[in-house]
Amino acid sequence: MNAPFQSTPPISPDQPIRLLIAAPRGFCAGVDRAIEIVERAIEIYGAPVYVRHEIVHNKFVVDNLKAKGAIFVEELDEVPDGVPVIFSAHGVPKSVPAAATARGLDWLDATCPLVSKVHRQAERQIEAGRHIIFIGHAGHPEVIGTFGQVPEGNMTLVETVDDVAQLDFAPGTQLSYLSQTTLSVDDTHAIIKALEARFPEVAAPKAEDICYATSNRQAAVKQIASECDVVLVIGSPKSSNSLRLVEVAQRAGVAAHMIQRANEIDPEWLEGARTVGLTAGASAPEELVNEVVAHIRTIREVAMEEIVTTEERMTFKLPRQLVR
């Protein structure tokens, strides 16, 4: 005789939420470096300092830098003569620093060194006579910047496995592939597998282009997702790496929500939840994590655990103009 079905007992309003906080989370070395570049430039040159494009995709960070004297613009022609300008962590086409130099502007490059590494790989592939298949998201600043490292027509964008099936190159075309640094690890591996199946001679990069921080944050979310009823991701809708964290949780079968600040949390998301996961994209500061934890504590009592999947010790040097 089968045992009678036993439903899960309802959650008592007094029962604490088990809050699993993923680690690594939040700022990566490239974001730390980019923010420090803006802050030091303001100290050395004085305000205002202009920044072409948001230095990183996070409104809280951008607003804090505005308060210190940074002015954010979309294009170089919005920068007045005689003031310093900084290029964002996502990277820019070669034409941008060339135009700044032609105008006599003092400029600083806050491009993440791991993005710069992809730029150098692109140059080498073109020098070797290969056409580059670039895995990335159309319109993202990093993609625009990478395409701008090589002559037009030497790089083709693919976003999905289906895009690979549509590729059409002249017989004998030598091919290579590179990728945006903030993509889904699983999706990118699937696209690479499709590329290698279709073009067995395609040249691979010496090392994976997806950056350590993107990979680590996705792995940390995978680790906690199986235990969670809901996962909260602190990040910007503009942030590729933050969007990917939401997708990773959802693919694990968990309800996942992106929030920029604690006040965006819908209390209904937490109703009936025994375990809630929390992480932050690579451009979200730890201050926002603390804000979210404090906010959840106003809704329910919290039993907090940090789940550490790896330790990060990466640091990047500042531009020589800012080194004292």
Protein backbone atom coordinates (compact mmCIF):
# COMPACT_ATOMS: atom_id res chain seq x y z
CA MET A 1 0.00 0.00 0.00
CA ASN A 2 1.37 3.40 -0.98
CA ALA A 3 2.17 5.85 1.78
CA PRO A 4 -0.33 8.72 1.95
CA PHE A 5 0.70 11.92 0.16
CA GLN A 6 2.16 14.47 2.56
CA SER A 7 2.08 18.09 1.45
CA THR A 8 4.84 20.47 2.44
CA PRO A 9 3.73 22.37 5.53
CA PRO A 10 3.11 26.06 4.98
CA ILE A 11 5.77 28.57 5.94
CA SER A 12 5.21 30.29 9.25
CA PRO A 13 5.60 34.09 9.05
CA ASP A 14 8.05 33.71 11.96
CA GLN A 15 10.22 31.17 10.15
CA PRO A 16 13.50 32.76 9.03
CA ILE A 17 14.40 32.88 5.37
CA ARG A 18 17.55 30.93 4.68
CA LEU A 19 19.54 33.44 2.63
CA LEU A 20 22.36 31.92 0.56
CA ILE A 21 24.79 34.60 -0.62
CA ALA A 22 26.95 33.51 -3.55
CA ALA A 23 30.67 34.14 -3.56
CA PRO A 24 32.37 35.31 -5.69
CA ARG A 25 29.93 38.14 -6.45
CA GLY A 26 30.06 41.85 -7.21
CA PHE A 27 33.05 43.88 -8.36
CA CYS A 28 35.71 42.19 -10.46
CA ALA A 29 39.29 43.42 -10.90
CA GLY A 30 38.45 45.21 -14.17
CA VAL A 31 35.60 47.16 -12.57
CA ASP A 32 37.70 48.03 -9.51
CA ARG A 33 40.40 49.36 -11.84
CA ALA A 34 37.97 51.37 -13.99
CA ILE A 35 36.37 53.10 -11.01
CA GLU A 36 39.76 53.87 -9.47
CA ILE A 37 40.90 55.39 -12.78
CA VAL A 38 37.99 57.86 -12.70
CA GLU A 39 38.49 58.70 -9.01
CA ARG A 40 42.24 59.23 -9.36
CA ALA A 41 41.81 61.28 -12.52
CA ILE A 42 39.46 63.62 -10.65
CA GLU A 43 42.03 63.95 -7.84
CA ILE A 44 44.94 64.64 -10.22
CA TYR A 45 43.28 66.73 -12.94
CA GLY A 46 40.45 68.23 -10.90
CA ALA A 47 36.76 68.17 -11.82
CA PRO A 48 35.24 67.82 -14.28
CA VAL A 49 36.66 64.70 -15.87
CA TYR A 50 34.72 63.38 -18.86
CA VAL A 51 33.95 59.69 -19.38
CA ARG A 52 32.89 58.35 -22.76
CA HIS A 53 30.03 55.92 -22.09
CA GLU A 54 29.11 54.66 -18.61
CA ILE A 55 32.38 53.55 -17.00
CA VAL A 56 30.57 50.35 -15.93
CA HIS A 57 26.92 49.38 -16.25
CA ASN A 58 25.66 50.33 -12.81
CA LYS A 59 23.59 53.42 -12.02
CA PHE A 60 24.65 53.52 -8.36
CA VAL A 61 28.33 53.57 -9.33
CA VAL A 62 27.80 56.11 -12.12
CA ASP A 63 25.78 58.44 -9.85
CA ASN A 64 28.50 58.30 -7.17
CA LEU A 65 31.16 59.25 -9.72
CA LYS A 66 28.96 62.07 -11.05
CA ALA A 67 28.76 63.45 -7.52
CA LYS A 68 32.57 63.47 -7.36
CA GLY A 69 32.94 65.37 -10.63
CA ALA A 70 32.67 62.91 -13.52
CA ILE A 71 30.59 63.84 -16.56
CA PHE A 72 29.38 60.96 -18.71
CA VAL A 73 28.85 61.38 -22.45
CA GLU A 74 28.11 58.98 -25.29
CA GLU A 75 30.41 60.38 -27.96
CA LEU A 76 33.79 62.09 -28.05
CA ASP A 77 32.44 65.19 -29.77
CA GLU A 78 30.54 65.97 -26.56
CA VAL A 79 33.85 66.42 -24.72
CA PRO A 80 35.12 70.04 -24.64
CA ASP A 81 38.69 70.85 -25.62
CA GLY A 82 41.26 70.99 -22.85
CA VAL A 83 39.70 68.48 -20.43
CA PRO A 84 40.70 64.85 -19.75
CA VAL A 85 38.53 62.03 -21.07
CA ILE A 86 38.33 58.39 -19.96
CA PHE A 87 37.23 55.44 -22.08
CA SER A 88 34.95 52.91 -20.37
CA ALA A 89 35.82 49.42 -19.14
CA HIS A 90 34.01 47.87 -22.12
CA GLY A 91 36.61 49.10 -24.62
CA VAL A 92 36.34 51.39 -27.64
CA PRO A 93 37.11 51.18 -31.35
CA LYS A 94 40.63 52.28 -32.35
CA SER A 95 39.13 55.34 -34.01
CA VAL A 96 38.15 56.84 -30.63
CA PRO A 97 41.60 57.26 -29.03
CA ALA A 98 42.91 58.29 -32.46
CA ALA A 99 40.31 61.08 -32.63
CA ALA A 100 41.11 62.13 -29.04
CA THR A 101 44.81 62.34 -29.87
CA ALA A 102 44.08 64.34 -33.01
CA ARG A 103 42.19 66.86 -30.87
CA GLY A 104 45.03 67.07 -28.35
CA LEU A 105 42.91 65.65 -25.52
CA ASP A 106 44.48 63.95 -22.52
CA TRP A 107 42.87 60.54 -22.48
CA LEU A 108 42.94 57.52 -20.20
CA ASP A 109 41.92 54.00 -21.20
CA ALA A 110 39.91 52.14 -18.54
CA THR A 111 39.30 49.16 -20.85
CA CYS A 112 39.41 45.95 -18.82
CA PRO A 113 42.76 44.25 -19.54
CA LEU A 114 40.90 41.02 -20.33
CA VAL A 115 38.92 42.86 -23.02
CA SER A 116 42.18 44.38 -24.30
CA LYS A 117 43.55 40.83 -24.55
CA VAL A 118 40.70 39.95 -26.92
CA HIS A 119 41.48 43.09 -28.95
CA ARG A 120 45.12 41.99 -29.37
CA GLN A 121 44.01 38.48 -30.36
CA ALA A 122 41.75 40.00 -33.03
CA GLU A 123 44.67 41.95 -34.48
CA ARG A 124 46.84 38.82 -34.57
CA GLN A 125 44.15 36.76 -36.31
CA ILE A 126 43.81 39.39 -39.04
CA GLU A 127 47.60 39.53 -39.42
CA ALA A 128 47.51 35.75 -39.89
CA GLY A 129 45.01 36.17 -42.72
CA ARG A 130 42.01 34.75 -40.90
CA HIS A 131 38.42 35.98 -40.88
CA ILE A 132 37.08 36.22 -37.31
CA ILE A 133 33.76 34.78 -36.19
CA PHE A 134 32.92 36.77 -33.07
CA ILE A 135 30.52 35.33 -30.49
CA GLY A 136 28.68 38.15 -28.74
CA HIS A 137 25.59 40.30 -28.41
CA ALA A 138 24.85 42.84 -31.15
CA GLY A 139 25.05 46.43 -29.97
CA HIS A 140 26.91 45.72 -26.73
CA PRO A 141 29.75 48.26 -26.18
CA GLU A 142 32.33 45.49 -25.87
CA VAL A 143 31.30 44.05 -29.23
CA ILE A 144 31.40 47.49 -30.87
CA GLY A 145 34.84 48.12 -29.40
CA THR A 146 36.22 44.76 -30.54
CA PHE A 147 34.86 45.12 -34.08
CA GLY A 148 36.60 48.51 -34.15
CA GLN A 149 40.02 46.91 -33.69
CA VAL A 150 40.14 45.45 -37.19
CA PRO A 151 39.32 46.70 -40.71
CA GLU A 152 35.64 46.57 -41.59
CA GLY A 153 34.48 43.31 -43.15
CA ASN A 154 37.02 41.12 -41.32
CA MET A 155 34.71 40.00 -38.52
CA THR A 156 31.28 38.33 -38.47
CA LEU A 157 29.01 38.30 -35.41
CA VAL A 158 27.14 35.23 -34.23
CA GLU A 159 24.79 35.23 -31.23
CA THR A 160 23.29 31.72 -31.31
CA VAL A 161 23.86 28.18 -32.54
CA ASP A 162 21.28 28.92 -35.27
CA ASP A 163 23.45 31.80 -36.49
CA VAL A 164 26.31 29.35 -37.04
CA ALA A 165 24.14 27.36 -39.48
CA GLN A 166 23.60 30.53 -41.54
CA LEU A 167 27.30 31.35 -41.99
CA ASP A 168 28.52 31.31 -45.56
CA PHE A 169 32.18 31.83 -46.45
CA ALA A 170 34.03 31.46 -49.73
CA PRO A 171 35.84 28.13 -50.13
CA GLY A 172 39.33 28.27 -48.66
CA THR A 173 38.54 31.09 -46.20
CA GLN A 174 40.72 30.72 -43.11
CA LEU A 175 38.64 31.21 -39.98
CA SER A 176 39.11 31.85 -36.28
CA TYR A 177 36.73 32.64 -33.45
CA LEU A 178 36.78 34.94 -30.44
CA SER A 179 34.08 35.88 -27.91
CA GLN A 180 32.76 38.65 -25.73
CA THR A 181 34.08 38.29 -22.17
CA THR A 182 30.69 38.43 -20.38
CA LEU A 183 28.67 35.69 -22.08
CA SER A 184 26.90 32.62 -20.74
CA VAL A 185 29.55 29.94 -20.34
CA ASP A 186 27.14 27.16 -21.38
CA ASP A 187 25.70 29.03 -24.39
CA THR A 188 29.17 29.97 -25.63
CA HIS A 189 30.43 26.39 -25.36
CA ALA A 190 27.42 25.24 -27.41
CA ILE A 191 28.16 27.83 -30.11
CA ILE A 192 31.85 26.88 -30.17
CA LYS A 193 30.90 23.21 -30.52
CA ALA A 194 28.66 24.11 -33.48
CA LEU A 195 31.43 26.20 -35.07
CA GLU A 196 33.99 23.42 -34.74
CA ALA A 197 31.54 20.89 -36.18
CA ARG A 198 30.79 23.10 -39.19
CA PHE A 199 34.33 24.44 -39.69
CA PRO A 200 36.77 21.80 -38.35
CA GLU A 201 39.80 23.94 -39.23
CA VAL A 202 38.58 27.04 -37.33
CA ALA A 203 41.35 28.46 -35.13
CA ALA A 204 40.55 28.75 -31.42
CA PRO A 205 41.95 31.39 -29.06
CA LYS A 206 44.88 30.28 -26.89
CA ALA A 207 42.71 30.66 -23.79
CA GLU A 208 38.97 31.04 -23.23
CA ASP A 209 37.83 34.63 -23.81
CA ILE A 210 35.03 34.58 -21.21
CA CYS A 211 36.63 36.28 -18.24
CA TYR A 212 37.35 34.62 -14.91
CA ALA A 213 34.82 36.81 -13.08
CA THR A 214 31.96 35.96 -15.45
CA SER A 215 32.71 32.23 -15.18
CA ASN A 216 33.13 32.32 -11.40
CA ARG A 217 29.89 34.21 -10.78
CA GLN A 218 27.90 31.85 -13.00
CA ALA A 219 29.42 28.81 -11.25
CA ALA A 220 28.53 30.28 -7.85
CA VAL A 221 24.89 30.78 -8.89
CA LYS A 222 24.72 27.21 -10.18
CA GLN A 223 26.00 26.03 -6.81
CA ILE A 224 23.24 27.71 -4.80
CA ALA A 225 20.34 27.58 -7.28
CA SER A 226 19.42 23.95 -6.63
CA GLU A 227 18.71 24.79 -2.97
CA CYS A 228 16.76 28.00 -3.63
CA ASP A 229 13.10 28.85 -4.15
CA VAL A 230 14.04 32.22 -5.65
CA VAL A 231 17.29 33.95 -6.65
CA LEU A 232 17.86 37.71 -6.61
CA VAL A 233 20.55 39.19 -8.87
CA ILE A 234 21.74 42.73 -8.18
CA GLY A 235 22.71 44.34 -11.47
CA SER A 236 21.72 46.56 -14.36
CA PRO A 237 19.52 45.53 -17.29
CA LYS A 238 22.37 46.91 -19.45
CA SER A 239 24.89 44.57 -17.83
CA SER A 240 25.57 41.45 -19.90
CA ASN A 241 27.20 39.51 -17.06
CA SER A 242 24.30 40.31 -14.70
CA LEU A 243 21.68 39.22 -17.24
CA ARG A 244 23.54 35.94 -17.65
CA LEU A 245 23.32 35.29 -13.89
CA VAL A 246 19.54 35.57 -14.06
CA GLU A 247 19.51 33.12 -16.98
CA VAL A 248 21.75 30.64 -15.14
CA ALA A 249 19.35 30.56 -12.18
CA GLN A 250 16.27 30.27 -14.40
CA ARG A 251 17.80 27.37 -16.32
CA ALA A 252 18.27 25.62 -12.99
CA GLY A 253 14.49 25.80 -12.63
CA VAL A 254 14.43 28.63 -10.10
CA ALA A 255 12.46 31.87 -10.19
CA ALA A 256 15.06 34.62 -10.63
CA HIS A 257 14.73 38.40 -10.62
CA MET A 258 17.14 41.19 -11.46
CA ILE A 259 17.05 44.22 -9.19
CA GLN A 260 19.10 47.40 -9.22
CA ARG A 261 18.27 48.44 -5.65
CA ALA A 262 16.60 46.84 -2.63
CA ASN A 263 13.40 48.84 -3.07
CA GLU A 264 12.69 46.90 -6.28
CA ILE A 265 12.11 43.67 -4.34
CA ASP A 266 8.48 42.59 -4.55
CA PRO A 267 7.52 41.07 -1.15
CA GLU A 268 5.39 38.52 -3.04
CA TRP A 269 8.61 36.99 -4.41
CA LEU A 270 9.52 35.95 -0.87
CA GLU A 271 6.09 34.64 0.17
CA GLY A 272 6.36 30.93 0.87
CA ALA A 273 10.11 30.95 0.19
CA ARG A 274 12.23 28.85 2.51
CA THR A 275 15.56 29.56 0.80
CA VAL A 276 16.52 32.66 -1.18
CA GLY A 277 19.72 33.06 -3.18
CA LEU A 278 21.49 36.39 -3.61
CA THR A 279 24.29 37.44 -5.92
CA ALA A 280 25.56 40.56 -7.66
CA GLY A 281 26.90 41.19 -11.14
CA ALA A 282 30.51 42.24 -11.67
CA SER A 283 29.65 45.95 -11.74
CA ALA A 284 27.49 45.96 -8.56
CA PRO A 285 29.18 47.08 -5.32
CA GLU A 286 29.00 45.16 -2.04
CA GLU A 287 27.16 48.14 -0.55
CA LEU A 288 24.10 47.13 -2.59
CA VAL A 289 24.33 43.54 -1.33
CA ASN A 290 24.26 44.82 2.25
CA GLU A 291 21.31 47.07 1.37
CA VAL A 292 19.34 44.10 0.00
CA VAL A 293 20.07 41.94 3.06
CA ALA A 294 18.90 44.75 5.36
CA HIS A 295 15.73 45.18 3.30
CA ILE A 296 14.88 41.47 3.38
CA ARG A 297 15.28 41.60 7.16
CA THR A 298 12.43 44.14 7.27
CA ILE A 299 10.18 41.55 5.60
CA ARG A 300 11.25 38.34 7.36
CA GLU A 301 13.86 37.19 9.80
CA VAL A 302 17.00 36.02 7.98
CA ALA A 303 19.42 33.14 8.57
CA MET A 304 22.33 34.09 6.32
CA GLU A 305 25.00 31.82 4.82
CA GLU A 306 27.78 32.72 2.39
CA ILE A 307 28.51 29.93 -0.11
CA VAL A 308 32.07 30.30 -1.41
CA THR A 309 32.95 28.40 -4.59
CA THR A 310 36.35 29.97 -5.27
CA GLU A 311 38.64 32.79 -4.10
CA GLU A 312 39.54 35.67 -6.43
CA ARG A 313 42.87 37.46 -6.10
CA MET A 314 43.16 39.11 -9.53
CA THR A 315 44.35 42.73 -9.66
CA PHE A 316 45.21 44.99 -12.60
CA LYS A 317 47.69 47.86 -12.82
CA LEU A 318 46.54 51.45 -13.33
CA PRO A 319 47.58 53.49 -16.40
CA ARG A 320 51.06 54.95 -15.87
CA GLN A 321 49.68 58.54 -15.90
CA LEU A 322 47.91 57.80 -12.61
CA VAL A 323 50.67 55.92 -10.78
CA ARG A 324 52.27 58.07 -8.11
